[in-house]
Amino acid sequence: MSTPHNSADIKDIAKTVLMPGDPLRAKFIAENFLEDAKLVNNVRGIQGYTGTWKGTPVTVMASGMGMPSIGIYSYELFKFYDVENIIRVGSAGAYSADLKLFDVVVADSAYSESTYAKEQCGNTSDIQYPSEELNAKIIASAKNLGIETHVGCLHSSDVFYRESKDYLKTVEEKGCLAVEMESFALFSNAKVLGKHAACIVTISDSFVSPEETTPEQREQSFTDMMKIALDAAIA
């Protein structure tokens, strides 16, 4: 079995998938955490690997950037590969001065101006929600590992480079802690298909501070988030 964007056989994809945006982060997780990791997809360079974590099969597969991209890959995994859980492991820009570089944020909701949910399934809400069950596993995993997390709303933006700053008032009113570009679509797909989705991100840069991480750090240094997600994946 395959889809236009995934050449893997259904038996090669685990029931739980960790989904970073960056294919190189997927490769890093597979090579540094999974045992017996096997490349199962590389269509369009969107690398997917399946191996085991503490004896349990886990797949890690990139989503690419933005809601249209994660919308395609997560839908196919849920619908055609019988995946039950997808945990996005991404990076985000902080809106709050309380968030520092490398802090970990667990999304309890995702706000977006995007029309993704409306166009995909007719849902006109500007807030989408993760699986409470999966989030509970993530929070428990972080606690067991002794890793501090922040929990709150993420802003899923369709635009990386903006000419206007008017949106900042809205995201402040919505209580968004940070901005990324994927979780709104992932949560919408999970709801439509009766599956579980969650999003855990690491702060890579800030809108209230000039600090930012390097591409290499974003690929290889967000290990707290990776450990939390992996333990949640097998809980």
Foldseek 3Di string as FASTA:
>chain_A
DADPAFPADLVQAALEEEEEADQLLQVQCCVPAFPPWDFRGQRVHFTKIWGDHVRGIYIYTYQHAFAVRVLVVLLCCVPVNVHFEYEYEYEWAFADPVADFLAKEWEQKEFEPDCLLCVPPNDPDRIFGFDPLLSVLLVVLCVVVVHDYHYYYEYAYRDDDDPDPVCSVVCVVVVHGTYGHHDRSSRSSCVVSVHGYIYMYGYAHYPVDGDGHDPVCRSHVSVSSSSSNNSSRVD
